[in-house]
N, C-alpha and C. Protein backbone atom coordinates (compact mmCIF):
# COMPACT_ATOMS: atom_id res chain seq x y z
N UNK A 1 -3.65 -4.56 -12.63
CA UNK A 1 -4.31 -5.49 -11.77
C UNK A 1 -5.71 -5.06 -11.61
N UNK A 2 -6.66 -5.97 -11.75
CA UNK A 2 -8.01 -5.68 -11.58
C UNK A 2 -8.39 -5.66 -10.11
N UNK A 3 -9.42 -4.86 -9.79
CA UNK A 3 -9.73 -4.67 -8.33
C UNK A 3 -10.27 -5.91 -7.71
N UNK A 4 -10.80 -6.94 -8.44
CA UNK A 4 -11.28 -8.09 -7.82
C UNK A 4 -10.30 -9.18 -7.55
N UNK A 5 -9.04 -8.93 -7.96
CA UNK A 5 -7.94 -9.85 -7.74
C UNK A 5 -7.55 -9.80 -6.24
N UNK A 6 -7.41 -10.93 -5.60
CA UNK A 6 -7.04 -11.01 -4.16
C UNK A 6 -5.54 -11.37 -4.10
N UNK A 7 -4.80 -10.73 -3.28
CA UNK A 7 -3.39 -11.00 -3.10
C UNK A 7 -3.28 -11.86 -1.88
N UNK A 8 -2.31 -12.81 -1.91
CA UNK A 8 -1.99 -13.64 -0.73
C UNK A 8 -0.91 -13.03 0.16
N UNK A 9 -0.30 -12.03 -0.40
CA UNK A 9 0.77 -11.32 0.37
C UNK A 9 0.92 -9.92 -0.29
N UNK A 10 2.00 -9.24 0.01
CA UNK A 10 2.22 -7.91 -0.59
C UNK A 10 2.36 -8.06 -2.10
N UNK A 11 2.00 -6.95 -2.82
CA UNK A 11 2.20 -6.99 -4.30
C UNK A 11 3.71 -7.09 -4.59
N UNK A 12 3.98 -7.62 -5.80
CA UNK A 12 5.35 -7.82 -6.21
C UNK A 12 5.96 -6.44 -6.62
N UNK A 13 7.12 -6.15 -6.12
CA UNK A 13 7.77 -4.85 -6.44
C UNK A 13 7.97 -4.64 -7.93
N UNK A 14 8.00 -5.74 -8.72
CA UNK A 14 8.16 -5.61 -10.18
C UNK A 14 6.94 -4.91 -10.77
N UNK A 15 5.82 -4.91 -10.04
CA UNK A 15 4.68 -4.23 -10.54
C UNK A 15 4.54 -2.72 -10.14
N UNK A 16 5.50 -2.28 -9.36
CA UNK A 16 5.46 -0.92 -8.83
C UNK A 16 5.87 0.06 -9.93
N UNK A 17 5.11 1.21 -10.06
CA UNK A 17 5.49 2.15 -11.05
C UNK A 17 6.83 2.71 -10.70
N UNK A 18 7.62 3.08 -11.79
CA UNK A 18 8.94 3.71 -11.51
C UNK A 18 8.83 4.94 -10.70
N UNK A 19 9.63 5.12 -9.67
CA UNK A 19 9.65 6.22 -8.80
C UNK A 19 8.64 6.17 -7.65
N UNK A 20 7.88 5.11 -7.61
CA UNK A 20 6.96 4.86 -6.47
C UNK A 20 7.63 3.92 -5.58
N UNK A 21 8.28 4.40 -4.52
CA UNK A 21 9.17 3.70 -3.73
C UNK A 21 8.66 3.22 -2.36
N UNK A 22 7.39 3.41 -2.11
CA UNK A 22 6.76 2.95 -0.83
C UNK A 22 5.54 2.08 -1.12
N UNK A 23 5.30 1.14 -0.21
CA UNK A 23 4.16 0.32 -0.33
C UNK A 23 3.59 0.08 1.08
N UNK A 24 2.29 0.17 1.26
CA UNK A 24 1.71 -0.04 2.54
C UNK A 24 0.24 -0.58 2.40
N UNK A 25 -0.20 -1.28 3.46
CA UNK A 25 -1.56 -1.92 3.39
C UNK A 25 -2.44 -1.22 4.50
N UNK A 26 -3.64 -0.88 4.09
CA UNK A 26 -4.61 -0.35 5.00
C UNK A 26 -5.20 -1.47 5.77
N UNK A 27 -5.94 -1.17 6.87
CA UNK A 27 -6.47 -2.18 7.74
C UNK A 27 -7.55 -3.01 6.97
N UNK A 28 -8.18 -2.45 6.04
CA UNK A 28 -9.25 -3.23 5.22
C UNK A 28 -8.60 -4.16 4.20
N UNK A 29 -7.28 -4.18 4.13
CA UNK A 29 -6.60 -5.11 3.23
C UNK A 29 -6.14 -4.51 1.92
N UNK A 30 -6.56 -3.24 1.57
CA UNK A 30 -6.08 -2.63 0.33
C UNK A 30 -4.63 -2.26 0.44
N UNK A 31 -3.93 -2.59 -0.62
CA UNK A 31 -2.46 -2.19 -0.77
C UNK A 31 -2.39 -1.00 -1.68
N UNK A 32 -1.47 -0.10 -1.44
CA UNK A 32 -1.21 1.08 -2.24
C UNK A 32 0.27 1.31 -2.40
N UNK A 33 0.64 1.72 -3.59
CA UNK A 33 1.99 2.25 -3.93
C UNK A 33 1.95 3.71 -3.56
N UNK A 34 3.11 4.24 -3.08
CA UNK A 34 3.19 5.61 -2.75
C UNK A 34 4.46 6.21 -3.42
N UNK A 35 4.34 7.43 -3.92
CA UNK A 35 5.48 8.13 -4.48
C UNK A 35 6.23 8.77 -3.35
N UNK A 36 5.58 9.25 -2.31
CA UNK A 36 6.24 9.84 -1.15
C UNK A 36 5.87 8.97 0.08
N UNK A 37 6.74 9.07 1.06
CA UNK A 37 6.48 8.22 2.24
C UNK A 37 5.12 8.62 2.92
N UNK A 38 4.20 7.67 3.08
CA UNK A 38 2.89 7.91 3.72
C UNK A 38 3.02 7.95 5.25
N UNK A 39 1.99 8.53 5.87
CA UNK A 39 1.94 8.51 7.32
C UNK A 39 0.64 7.83 7.75
N UNK A 40 0.61 7.28 8.98
CA UNK A 40 -0.66 6.67 9.45
C UNK A 40 -1.74 7.78 9.54
N UNK A 41 -2.93 7.45 9.13
CA UNK A 41 -4.07 8.34 9.19
C UNK A 41 -4.44 8.68 10.60
N UNK A 42 -4.90 9.96 10.82
CA UNK A 42 -5.20 10.37 12.10
C UNK A 42 -6.25 9.50 12.83
N UNK A 43 -7.27 9.00 12.15
CA UNK A 43 -8.25 8.13 12.75
C UNK A 43 -7.86 6.69 12.84
N UNK A 44 -6.70 6.33 12.26
CA UNK A 44 -6.23 4.91 12.27
C UNK A 44 -6.82 4.13 11.14
N UNK A 45 -6.15 3.02 10.85
CA UNK A 45 -6.62 2.07 9.86
C UNK A 45 -6.21 2.32 8.43
N UNK A 46 -5.65 3.47 8.15
CA UNK A 46 -5.22 3.80 6.73
C UNK A 46 -3.92 4.62 6.75
N UNK A 47 -3.19 4.50 5.67
CA UNK A 47 -2.00 5.29 5.36
C UNK A 47 -2.47 6.48 4.55
N UNK A 48 -1.80 7.63 4.76
CA UNK A 48 -2.23 8.86 4.02
C UNK A 48 -0.99 9.46 3.39
N UNK A 49 -1.29 9.99 2.16
CA UNK A 49 -0.37 10.74 1.30
C UNK A 49 -1.26 11.53 0.35
N UNK A 50 -0.68 12.59 -0.18
CA UNK A 50 -1.41 13.31 -1.17
C UNK A 50 -2.00 12.36 -2.26
N UNK A 51 -3.15 12.49 -2.64
CA UNK A 51 -3.86 11.54 -3.60
C UNK A 51 -3.07 11.38 -4.87
N UNK A 52 -2.37 12.40 -5.32
CA UNK A 52 -1.52 12.21 -6.54
C UNK A 52 -0.34 11.33 -6.32
N UNK A 53 0.01 11.06 -5.07
CA UNK A 53 1.09 10.26 -4.66
C UNK A 53 0.73 8.86 -4.17
N UNK A 54 -0.52 8.50 -4.44
CA UNK A 54 -1.02 7.19 -3.96
C UNK A 54 -1.75 6.47 -5.08
N UNK A 55 -1.40 5.20 -5.27
CA UNK A 55 -1.94 4.42 -6.37
C UNK A 55 -2.35 3.03 -5.85
N UNK A 56 -3.56 2.55 -6.15
CA UNK A 56 -4.01 1.28 -5.77
C UNK A 56 -3.10 0.20 -6.30
N UNK A 57 -2.76 -0.81 -5.45
CA UNK A 57 -1.85 -1.89 -5.85
C UNK A 57 -2.49 -3.26 -5.75
N UNK A 58 -3.64 -3.38 -5.06
CA UNK A 58 -4.27 -4.67 -4.96
C UNK A 58 -5.03 -4.80 -3.62
N UNK A 59 -5.80 -5.90 -3.61
CA UNK A 59 -6.65 -6.17 -2.41
C UNK A 59 -6.17 -7.46 -1.74
N UNK A 60 -5.85 -7.34 -0.45
CA UNK A 60 -5.40 -8.45 0.37
C UNK A 60 -6.48 -8.75 1.42
N UNK A 61 -6.09 -9.60 2.38
CA UNK A 61 -6.94 -9.88 3.53
C UNK A 61 -6.88 -8.67 4.51
N UNK A 62 -7.95 -8.39 5.28
CA UNK A 62 -7.86 -7.34 6.26
C UNK A 62 -6.68 -7.59 7.17
N UNK A 63 -5.98 -6.52 7.60
CA UNK A 63 -4.81 -6.58 8.31
C UNK A 63 -4.82 -5.77 9.58
N UNK A 64 -5.08 -6.39 10.77
CA UNK A 64 -5.07 -5.64 12.06
C UNK A 64 -3.72 -5.02 12.39
N UNK A 65 -2.66 -5.52 11.77
CA UNK A 65 -1.29 -4.93 12.01
C UNK A 65 -0.98 -4.05 10.84
N UNK A 66 -1.93 -3.38 10.23
CA UNK A 66 -1.72 -2.49 9.09
C UNK A 66 -0.57 -1.50 9.29
N UNK A 67 -0.41 -1.03 10.52
CA UNK A 67 0.54 0.06 10.83
C UNK A 67 1.96 -0.47 10.85
N UNK A 68 2.13 -1.76 10.61
CA UNK A 68 3.48 -2.41 10.49
C UNK A 68 3.80 -2.82 9.09
N UNK A 69 2.87 -2.40 8.11
CA UNK A 69 3.00 -2.92 6.70
C UNK A 69 3.87 -2.04 5.84
N UNK A 70 4.27 -0.85 6.23
CA UNK A 70 4.98 0.13 5.39
C UNK A 70 6.30 -0.52 4.98
N UNK A 71 6.55 -0.50 3.70
CA UNK A 71 7.85 -1.00 3.07
C UNK A 71 8.43 0.04 2.11
N UNK A 72 9.71 0.08 2.11
CA UNK A 72 10.44 0.89 1.08
C UNK A 72 10.93 -0.10 0.02
N UNK A 73 10.91 0.39 -1.27
CA UNK A 73 11.39 -0.41 -2.38
C UNK A 73 12.77 -0.97 -2.08
N UNK A 74 12.95 -2.29 -2.26
CA UNK A 74 14.30 -2.91 -2.06
C UNK A 74 15.29 -2.26 -3.00
N UNK A 75 16.52 -2.19 -2.44
CA UNK A 75 17.67 -1.55 -3.24
C UNK A 75 18.00 -2.41 -4.46
């Protein structure tokens, strides 16, 4: 996915890399896949994980409820 593509909702799980079982959106609207479960950033507005365990998934609209966006890959 190119960085200028806007998403109307969460990215499709079919696009998730194998073994990347978490998805979350930052307050600025950026979605990321995570290999390990992320945690809310200390300053707020972002999810955090080791950078090797985080991969850009797309750009959506800013989300004031970013801290409620964490999803685990469906079974």
